[in-house]
């Protein structure tokens, strides 16, 4: 199959590279010449483990190309995937689909033969109908179908998610479009991965419902964590105990400083807005949004308590600023709430992150960047473990404590045992959903 993918952001680039690895002929299109030049040199504009190797393999095989020329890219294409941004719209919390509609109109004006226009971007329910109307208005004589194919990629594990998905969701209106989409995903079908073929609106809703449910699960365990701290329970034991229940499952039950990233915050807000517009308030989702922000602010108070109620004059080492490990994405990261609060309270903040510096230097002005956790901890009064990168999971705790001025740790990912931290020389330790500990208690 010949496929064009519009947009070389996270979703578009991963999808294009993986489709090429299926054996399809892929052209990825982007208006940004700088990104096209990078990709043609084999350089990846995002951090995603393994993506550079797969890109090189498929460009070398001639299955993957990059271009700014959309008309040439879609010539003879069986399908065109639209994978452009749908940021939260200012003022109302809805997803901005203007880029999707603009891309669809551009495809319509350039296409001459039958093509399936596939929306890969996350869009509100009803958007694909608008896409069809926009295409029809731009080129009334074009023979086309519209399909919805939402993505379910976890940053840091996107290739595995694409190649071994829990399911593929396809929304179509015709048998002809369904046949094209089945041919595209045939390599997964042959390996018995579920392909859910449904209508446009259901496919659009599946994406939002899935992310809102997962965000709810994260927020639920974070609220339980706060209650555990007051009652003496251990949230890690609680999560283990409920996670064995097959109706609940153990995924997304890791207490932490609140969810962030490119999907959960944006998609929960969009779902809440869809509910309001249709007279069906999404009260659980609205509460999740509110509570998640409260959780981030609660982290600041935990740190302040550890610092004797004041950040003034303190030096704080922050380990990790991306919203999760194995990505360079800082969108809606808890660090964007916590670090400015530290700085605003008068602290000197040192930061280290394996891949977050490129974005972090712009988003976190006023911090000092360090090359390692040990450099960041040198002379510090507080160590904050904020992102669970692998390199932060087996630190030499005694070495850290010895380098600090006042060895205090806030383990906001529950990586370490309180006993191990205190035995290594730390004088105070706090985490999520477990009692705070000190060497004088």
Protein backbone atom coordinates (compact mmCIF):
# COMPACT_ATOMS: atom_id res chain seq x y z
CA UNK A 1 0.00 0.00 0.00
CA UNK A 2 1.12 3.56 -0.66
CA UNK A 3 0.47 5.82 2.32
CA UNK A 4 1.11 9.50 3.02
CA UNK A 5 1.31 10.70 6.62
CA UNK A 6 0.77 14.41 7.24
CA UNK A 7 2.66 15.61 10.31
CA UNK A 8 5.99 14.39 11.66
CA UNK A 9 5.27 15.00 15.30
CA UNK A 10 5.13 12.20 17.81
CA UNK A 11 2.12 10.34 16.40
CA UNK A 12 2.83 10.97 12.72
CA UNK A 13 6.48 10.02 12.82
CA UNK A 14 6.02 6.86 14.88
CA UNK A 15 3.08 5.78 12.71
CA UNK A 16 4.90 6.46 9.45
CA UNK A 17 8.03 4.60 10.51
CA UNK A 18 6.05 1.62 11.81
CA UNK A 19 3.86 1.44 8.69
CA UNK A 20 7.05 1.37 6.64
CA UNK A 21 8.29 -1.49 8.78
CA UNK A 22 5.10 -3.37 7.82
CA UNK A 23 6.34 -3.13 4.23
CA UNK A 24 4.19 -0.24 3.03
CA UNK A 25 5.49 2.62 0.86
CA UNK A 26 5.43 5.68 3.13
CA UNK A 27 5.95 9.40 2.60
CA UNK A 28 5.88 11.58 5.72
CA UNK A 29 4.95 15.17 4.99
CA UNK A 30 5.67 18.25 7.09
CA UNK A 31 5.82 21.97 6.36
CA UNK A 32 8.83 22.42 8.61
CA UNK A 33 11.88 22.18 6.36
CA UNK A 34 14.18 21.92 9.37
CA UNK A 35 12.43 18.74 10.53
CA UNK A 36 12.46 17.28 7.03
CA UNK A 37 16.20 17.97 6.75
CA UNK A 38 16.82 16.32 10.13
CA UNK A 39 14.82 13.25 9.21
CA UNK A 40 16.55 12.88 5.87
CA UNK A 41 19.86 12.88 7.75
CA UNK A 42 18.49 10.13 10.00
CA UNK A 43 18.10 12.45 12.99
CA UNK A 44 15.00 12.17 15.19
CA UNK A 45 13.41 15.45 16.41
CA UNK A 46 11.87 13.64 19.40
CA UNK A 47 13.24 11.11 21.86
CA UNK A 48 11.63 7.69 21.51
CA UNK A 49 13.68 4.56 22.23
CA UNK A 50 14.43 2.52 19.11
CA UNK A 51 12.82 4.92 16.65
CA UNK A 52 16.14 6.03 15.13
CA UNK A 53 17.13 2.44 14.34
CA UNK A 54 13.79 1.61 12.73
CA UNK A 55 13.83 4.85 10.72
CA UNK A 56 17.29 4.11 9.36
CA UNK A 57 16.32 0.56 8.44
CA UNK A 58 13.30 1.65 6.44
CA UNK A 59 14.86 4.66 4.73
CA UNK A 60 17.76 2.42 3.66
CA UNK A 61 15.22 -0.06 2.27
CA UNK A 62 13.53 2.70 0.27
CA UNK A 63 10.18 2.29 2.01
CA UNK A 64 10.28 5.58 3.93
CA UNK A 65 10.71 9.10 2.58
CA UNK A 66 10.18 12.64 3.84
CA UNK A 67 8.88 15.66 1.97
CA UNK A 68 7.32 19.12 2.18
CA UNK A 69 5.53 18.54 -1.14
CA UNK A 70 2.07 17.27 -0.22
CA UNK A 71 0.61 17.00 -3.76
CA UNK A 72 3.48 14.78 -4.88
CA UNK A 73 3.39 12.77 -1.65
CA UNK A 74 -0.29 11.85 -2.02
CA UNK A 75 -0.15 11.07 -5.72
CA UNK A 76 -1.36 7.48 -6.11
CA UNK A 77 -1.79 7.06 -2.34
CA UNK A 78 -4.29 4.51 -1.09
CA UNK A 79 -4.64 6.38 2.19
CA UNK A 80 -3.58 9.69 3.69
CA UNK A 81 -3.20 9.81 7.46
CA UNK A 82 -3.66 13.17 9.16
CA UNK A 83 -1.53 13.31 12.30
CA UNK A 84 -1.32 17.00 13.14
CA UNK A 85 -1.72 18.65 16.52
CA UNK A 86 -5.05 19.20 18.25
CA UNK A 87 -4.01 21.44 21.18
CA UNK A 88 -6.41 22.53 23.87
CA UNK A 89 -8.21 25.62 22.65
CA UNK A 90 -7.84 28.68 24.82
CA UNK A 91 -10.95 29.74 26.66
CA UNK A 92 -13.14 26.66 26.43
CA UNK A 93 -10.91 23.61 26.94
CA UNK A 94 -11.95 22.03 23.65
CA UNK A 95 -9.51 20.41 21.23
CA UNK A 96 -8.57 22.74 18.38
CA UNK A 97 -9.23 20.81 15.15
CA UNK A 98 -8.37 23.65 12.77
CA UNK A 99 -5.10 22.00 11.75
CA UNK A 100 -6.92 18.76 10.96
CA UNK A 101 -9.52 20.49 8.80
CA UNK A 102 -6.85 22.54 7.04
CA UNK A 103 -4.88 19.38 6.22
CA UNK A 104 -8.02 17.65 4.93
CA UNK A 105 -8.81 20.58 2.63
CA UNK A 106 -5.24 20.55 1.33
CA UNK A 107 -5.52 16.83 0.56
CA UNK A 108 -8.83 17.41 -1.20
CA UNK A 109 -7.39 20.08 -3.47
CA UNK A 110 -4.37 17.92 -4.37
CA UNK A 111 -6.02 14.50 -4.80
CA UNK A 112 -7.47 13.24 -8.07
CA UNK A 113 -8.13 9.52 -7.49
CA UNK A 114 -10.00 7.60 -4.80
CA UNK A 115 -8.33 7.93 -1.42
CA UNK A 116 -9.15 7.17 2.20
CA UNK A 117 -8.48 10.19 4.40
CA UNK A 118 -7.69 8.85 7.85
CA UNK A 119 -7.79 10.99 10.98
CA UNK A 120 -5.02 9.78 13.30
CA UNK A 121 -5.09 12.91 15.44
CA UNK A 122 -7.21 12.82 18.60
CA UNK A 123 -10.37 14.74 17.74
CA UNK A 124 -13.75 15.39 19.40
CA UNK A 125 -16.72 13.27 18.47
CA UNK A 126 -18.19 14.49 15.19
CA UNK A 127 -14.92 15.81 13.76
CA UNK A 128 -14.63 13.17 11.03
CA UNK A 129 -18.03 14.22 9.74
CA UNK A 130 -16.65 17.77 9.57
CA UNK A 131 -13.58 16.46 7.75
CA UNK A 132 -15.80 14.80 5.16
CA UNK A 133 -17.77 18.02 4.69
CA UNK A 134 -14.57 20.07 4.36
CA UNK A 135 -13.17 17.69 1.73
CA UNK A 136 -16.44 17.71 -0.21
CA UNK A 137 -16.54 21.51 -0.18
CA UNK A 138 -12.92 21.81 -1.31
CA UNK A 139 -13.25 19.23 -4.13
CA UNK A 140 -16.87 18.25 -4.89
CA UNK A 141 -15.82 15.70 -7.53
CA UNK A 142 -13.27 13.79 -5.46
CA UNK A 143 -13.97 10.10 -4.81
CA UNK A 144 -13.00 9.56 -1.17
CA UNK A 145 -13.85 8.08 2.18
CA UNK A 146 -13.06 9.30 5.68
CA UNK A 147 -11.86 6.97 8.43
CA UNK A 148 -11.10 7.43 12.12
CA UNK A 149 -8.04 5.60 13.45
CA UNK A 150 -7.15 6.93 16.92
CA UNK A 151 -3.72 6.18 18.33
CA UNK A 152 -2.99 4.54 21.68
CA UNK A 153 0.77 5.06 21.91
CA UNK A 154 2.56 5.45 25.22
CA UNK A 155 5.52 7.77 25.00
CA UNK A 156 8.62 5.75 25.73
CA UNK A 157 7.00 2.52 24.51
CA UNK A 158 5.42 3.70 21.26
CA UNK A 159 7.05 1.21 18.90
CA UNK A 160 6.00 -1.75 20.99
CA UNK A 161 2.49 -0.32 21.32
CA UNK A 162 2.22 0.08 17.55
CA UNK A 163 3.67 -3.30 16.67
CA UNK A 164 1.97 -5.25 19.48
CA UNK A 165 -1.18 -3.27 20.25
CA UNK A 166 -3.92 -4.15 22.71
CA UNK A 167 -6.25 -3.33 19.83
CA UNK A 168 -6.51 -1.23 16.67
CA UNK A 169 -9.63 0.91 16.40
CA UNK A 170 -10.96 1.82 12.94
CA UNK A 171 -14.08 3.89 12.30
CA UNK A 172 -15.47 3.79 8.76
CA UNK A 173 -18.63 4.48 6.79
CA UNK A 174 -18.17 2.11 3.84
CA UNK A 175 -17.00 -1.39 3.04
CA UNK A 176 -14.52 0.07 0.59
CA UNK A 177 -12.79 2.13 3.29
CA UNK A 178 -12.88 -0.85 5.66
CA UNK A 179 -11.09 -2.94 3.03
CA UNK A 180 -8.33 -0.35 2.63
CA UNK A 181 -7.83 -0.10 6.39
CA UNK A 182 -7.82 -3.90 6.71
CA UNK A 183 -5.08 -4.11 4.08
CA UNK A 184 -3.00 -1.49 5.90
CA UNK A 185 -3.23 -3.36 9.21
CA UNK A 186 -3.07 -6.86 7.73
CA UNK A 187 0.34 -7.60 9.33
CA UNK A 188 -1.28 -7.17 12.77
CA UNK A 189 -4.41 -9.10 11.83
CA UNK A 190 -2.27 -12.05 10.72
CA UNK A 191 -0.74 -12.13 14.19
CA UNK A 192 -4.18 -12.12 15.83
CA UNK A 193 -4.08 -8.62 17.29
CA UNK A 194 -7.66 -7.35 17.69
CA UNK A 195 -8.94 -4.97 15.00
CA UNK A 196 -12.09 -3.17 16.17
CA UNK A 197 -13.99 -1.88 13.14
CA UNK A 198 -16.84 0.43 14.06
CA UNK A 199 -18.55 3.70 13.08
CA UNK A 200 -16.86 7.12 13.08
CA UNK A 201 -18.41 8.46 16.27
CA UNK A 202 -17.69 5.32 18.29
CA UNK A 203 -14.05 5.30 17.20
CA UNK A 204 -13.68 8.94 18.22
CA UNK A 205 -15.33 8.28 21.60
CA UNK A 206 -13.21 5.18 22.32
CA UNK A 207 -10.07 7.31 22.38
CA UNK A 208 -11.43 9.82 24.88
CA UNK A 209 -13.14 7.21 27.03
CA UNK A 210 -9.93 5.15 27.28
CA UNK A 211 -7.72 8.06 28.32
CA UNK A 212 -10.27 9.48 30.73
CA UNK A 213 -10.63 6.08 32.40
CA UNK A 214 -6.86 5.69 32.79
CA UNK A 215 -6.54 9.25 34.12
CA UNK A 216 -9.29 8.44 36.61
CA UNK A 217 -7.42 5.35 37.75
CA UNK A 218 -4.23 7.37 38.30
CA UNK A 219 -6.09 10.06 40.20
CA UNK A 220 -7.95 7.51 42.33
CA UNK A 221 -4.75 5.90 43.61
CA UNK A 222 -3.27 9.35 44.26
CA UNK A 223 -6.27 10.24 46.43
CA UNK A 224 -5.95 6.91 48.23
CA UNK A 225 -2.27 7.75 48.76
CA UNK A 226 -3.20 10.97 50.56
CA UNK A 227 -5.56 9.02 52.80
CA UNK A 228 -2.86 6.40 53.47
CA UNK A 229 -0.54 9.12 54.75
CA UNK A 230 -3.14 10.15 57.34
CA UNK A 231 -4.12 6.64 58.41
CA UNK A 232 -0.77 4.87 58.46
CA UNK A 233 -1.47 2.58 55.49
CA UNK A 234 1.11 2.02 52.74
CA UNK A 235 -0.22 2.88 49.28
CA UNK A 236 2.18 0.46 47.59
CA UNK A 237 0.68 -2.40 49.58
CA UNK A 238 -2.83 -1.12 48.92
CA UNK A 239 -2.18 -0.88 45.17
CA UNK A 240 -0.76 -4.39 45.16
CA UNK A 241 -3.74 -5.73 47.05
CA UNK A 242 -6.37 -4.22 44.77
CA UNK A 243 -4.34 -4.73 41.60
CA UNK A 244 -4.56 -8.51 41.88
CA UNK A 245 -8.32 -8.18 41.37
CA UNK A 246 -8.83 -9.00 37.70
CA UNK A 247 -11.65 -6.46 37.49
CA UNK A 248 -9.22 -3.70 38.48
CA UNK A 249 -5.76 -4.76 37.26
CA UNK A 250 -2.41 -3.46 38.45
CA UNK A 251 -1.63 -0.97 35.66
CA UNK A 252 -1.87 2.77 36.35
CA UNK A 253 -1.96 2.20 40.10
CA UNK A 254 1.39 3.85 40.86
CA UNK A 255 0.95 6.81 43.16
CA UNK A 256 2.87 9.92 42.22
CA UNK A 257 2.79 13.70 41.82
CA UNK A 258 -0.11 13.77 39.34
CA UNK A 259 -0.43 12.91 35.65
CA UNK A 260 0.91 15.04 32.82
CA UNK A 261 1.96 14.60 29.22
CA UNK A 262 0.38 15.26 25.86
CA UNK A 263 -2.71 13.05 26.23
CA UNK A 264 -4.38 12.79 29.64
CA UNK A 265 -4.62 16.52 30.45
CA UNK A 266 -5.75 17.49 26.94
CA UNK A 267 -8.15 14.58 26.43
CA UNK A 268 -9.85 14.84 29.82
CA UNK A 269 -10.49 18.54 29.21
CA UNK A 270 -11.84 17.81 25.74
CA UNK A 271 -14.14 15.05 27.01
CA UNK A 272 -15.47 17.34 29.73
CA UNK A 273 -16.19 19.95 27.07
CA UNK A 274 -17.92 17.42 24.79
CA UNK A 275 -20.15 16.45 27.71
CA UNK A 276 -21.04 20.08 28.43
CA UNK A 277 -21.89 20.75 24.79
CA UNK A 278 -24.18 17.72 24.69
CA UNK A 279 -25.89 18.37 28.00
CA UNK A 280 -24.33 15.33 29.65
CA UNK A 281 -21.79 16.62 32.20
CA UNK A 282 -18.81 14.32 32.63
CA UNK A 283 -18.71 14.82 36.39
CA UNK A 284 -16.16 12.11 37.13
CA UNK A 285 -13.81 13.45 34.45
CA UNK A 286 -14.28 17.04 35.61
CA UNK A 287 -13.39 15.98 39.14
CA UNK A 288 -10.33 14.10 37.90
CA UNK A 289 -9.06 17.28 36.23
CA UNK A 290 -9.59 19.31 39.40
CA UNK A 291 -8.10 16.73 41.76
CA UNK A 292 -5.03 16.18 39.57
CA UNK A 293 -4.15 19.88 39.85
CA UNK A 294 -4.68 19.72 43.61
CA UNK A 295 -2.32 16.74 43.81
CA UNK A 296 0.46 18.69 42.08
CA UNK A 297 -0.01 21.57 44.53
CA UNK A 298 -0.03 19.12 47.45
CA UNK A 299 3.44 18.01 46.43
CA UNK A 300 4.68 21.55 47.02
CA UNK A 301 3.36 21.46 50.59
CA UNK A 302 5.06 18.09 51.19
CA UNK A 303 8.37 19.60 50.13
CA UNK A 304 7.79 22.72 52.21
CA UNK A 305 7.11 20.60 55.30
CA UNK A 306 10.39 18.78 54.75
CA UNK A 307 12.17 22.15 54.53
CA UNK A 308 10.87 23.46 57.87
CA UNK A 309 8.07 25.41 56.14
CA UNK A 310 10.34 27.56 53.97
CA UNK A 311 12.27 27.19 50.72
CA UNK A 312 14.11 30.47 51.27
CA UNK A 313 17.86 30.06 51.15
CA UNK A 314 17.62 26.32 50.48
CA UNK A 315 19.33 24.49 47.62
CA UNK A 316 17.10 21.85 46.05
CA UNK A 317 18.22 19.12 43.64
CA UNK A 318 15.46 17.91 41.30
CA UNK A 319 15.96 14.57 39.55
CA UNK A 320 13.86 14.41 36.39
CA UNK A 321 11.57 17.01 34.82
CA UNK A 322 9.89 15.16 31.92
CA UNK A 323 6.37 13.98 32.69
CA UNK A 324 7.52 10.34 32.58
CA UNK A 325 10.74 8.43 31.81
CA UNK A 326 11.89 7.48 28.30
CA UNK A 327 10.61 10.67 26.70
CA UNK A 328 11.76 14.27 26.32
CA UNK A 329 8.17 15.51 26.61
CA UNK A 330 7.53 18.08 29.35
CA UNK A 331 3.94 18.95 28.47
CA UNK A 332 1.88 19.30 31.68
CA UNK A 333 4.74 17.77 33.67
CA UNK A 334 4.45 18.09 37.47
CA UNK A 335 7.85 19.77 37.28
CA UNK A 336 6.21 22.79 35.65
CA UNK A 337 4.19 23.30 38.85
CA UNK A 338 6.72 22.21 41.45
CA UNK A 339 9.96 23.80 40.23
CA UNK A 340 8.54 27.34 39.81
CA UNK A 341 7.10 27.06 43.34
CA UNK A 342 10.55 26.19 44.68
CA UNK A 343 12.11 29.12 42.85
CA UNK A 344 9.29 31.44 43.89
CA UNK A 345 9.85 30.44 47.51
CA UNK A 346 13.47 31.53 47.36
CA UNK A 347 15.21 28.22 46.68
CA UNK A 348 18.18 27.65 44.44
CA UNK A 349 17.21 24.78 42.16
CA UNK A 350 19.55 22.38 40.41
CA UNK A 351 18.03 20.04 37.83
CA UNK A 352 19.18 16.93 36.01
CA UNK A 353 17.29 14.88 33.42
CA UNK A 354 18.64 12.47 30.78
CA UNK A 355 16.60 14.00 27.95
CA UNK A 356 14.63 16.92 29.37
CA UNK A 357 17.16 19.70 29.08
CA UNK A 358 16.35 20.81 25.52
CA UNK A 359 12.77 21.72 26.47
CA UNK A 360 13.53 22.41 30.10
CA UNK A 361 15.93 25.27 29.47
CA UNK A 362 13.03 27.21 27.95
CA UNK A 363 10.25 26.02 30.25
CA UNK A 364 12.17 26.24 33.55
CA UNK A 365 14.08 29.53 33.56
CA UNK A 366 16.13 30.20 36.64
CA UNK A 367 17.33 26.66 37.33
CA UNK A 368 20.89 25.38 37.09
CA UNK A 369 21.39 22.23 35.01
CA UNK A 370 23.63 19.44 36.28
CA UNK A 371 25.10 16.47 34.45
CA UNK A 372 24.25 13.89 37.09
CA UNK A 373 22.25 13.29 40.24
CA UNK A 374 25.43 13.51 42.29
CA UNK A 375 26.42 16.88 40.85
CA UNK A 376 22.91 18.20 41.45
CA UNK A 377 23.00 16.98 45.07
CA UNK A 378 26.34 18.63 45.88
CA UNK A 379 25.70 20.92 48.86
CA UNK A 380 21.91 20.59 48.53
CA UNK A 381 19.42 20.76 51.38
CA UNK A 382 16.78 18.65 49.66
CA UNK A 383 16.75 15.98 46.95
CA UNK A 384 13.47 15.64 45.00
CA UNK A 385 13.03 12.51 42.88
CA UNK A 386 10.42 13.62 40.36
CA UNK A 387 10.74 11.35 37.28
CA UNK A 388 11.42 7.62 37.53
CA UNK A 389 14.23 7.33 34.97
CA UNK A 390 16.10 4.04 35.25
CA UNK A 391 19.32 5.82 36.14
CA UNK A 392 17.63 7.22 39.24
CA UNK A 393 16.44 3.81 40.44
CA UNK A 394 19.76 2.49 41.77
CA UNK A 395 21.58 5.56 43.05
CA UNK A 396 24.36 5.28 45.63
CA UNK A 397 22.33 6.72 48.48
CA UNK A 398 25.25 7.08 50.86
CA UNK A 399 27.25 8.95 48.22
CA UNK A 400 24.31 11.29 47.72
CA UNK A 401 23.85 11.89 51.44
CA UNK A 402 27.56 12.56 51.92
CA UNK A 403 27.53 15.24 49.20
CA UNK A 404 24.50 17.07 50.56
CA UNK A 405 24.53 19.92 53.06
CA UNK A 406 21.34 18.66 54.70
CA UNK A 407 20.42 15.22 53.41
CA UNK A 408 16.65 15.20 52.98
CA UNK A 409 14.82 13.24 50.27
CA UNK A 410 11.37 13.63 48.75
CA UNK A 411 10.80 10.46 46.76
CA UNK A 412 7.73 11.40 44.72
CA UNK A 413 7.80 8.12 42.77
CA UNK A 414 8.16 5.72 45.72
CA UNK A 415 11.31 4.19 44.28
CA UNK A 416 13.27 3.70 47.49
CA UNK A 417 12.67 2.00 50.81
CA UNK A 418 12.50 4.47 53.72
CA UNK A 419 14.80 2.24 55.76
CA UNK A 420 17.42 2.15 52.99
CA UNK A 421 17.35 5.92 52.62
CA UNK A 422 17.71 6.60 56.34
CA UNK A 423 20.35 3.89 56.79
CA UNK A 424 22.39 5.62 54.06
CA UNK A 425 22.63 8.80 56.12
CA UNK A 426 19.60 10.83 55.12
CA UNK A 427 18.01 12.62 58.06
CA UNK A 428 14.53 12.85 56.58
CA UNK A 429 12.46 11.07 53.95
CA UNK A 430 9.00 11.61 52.51
CA UNK A 431 7.22 9.77 49.72
CA UNK A 432 3.69 9.32 48.36
CA UNK A 433 1.12 7.40 50.39
CA UNK A 434 3.56 6.32 53.08
CA UNK A 435 4.41 7.88 56.42
CA UNK A 436 7.26 10.38 56.42
CA UNK A 437 10.33 9.20 58.31
CA UNK A 438 13.33 10.79 59.98
CA UNK A 439 16.39 9.56 61.85
CA UNK A 440 15.09 11.17 65.00
CA UNK A 441 11.69 9.45 64.92
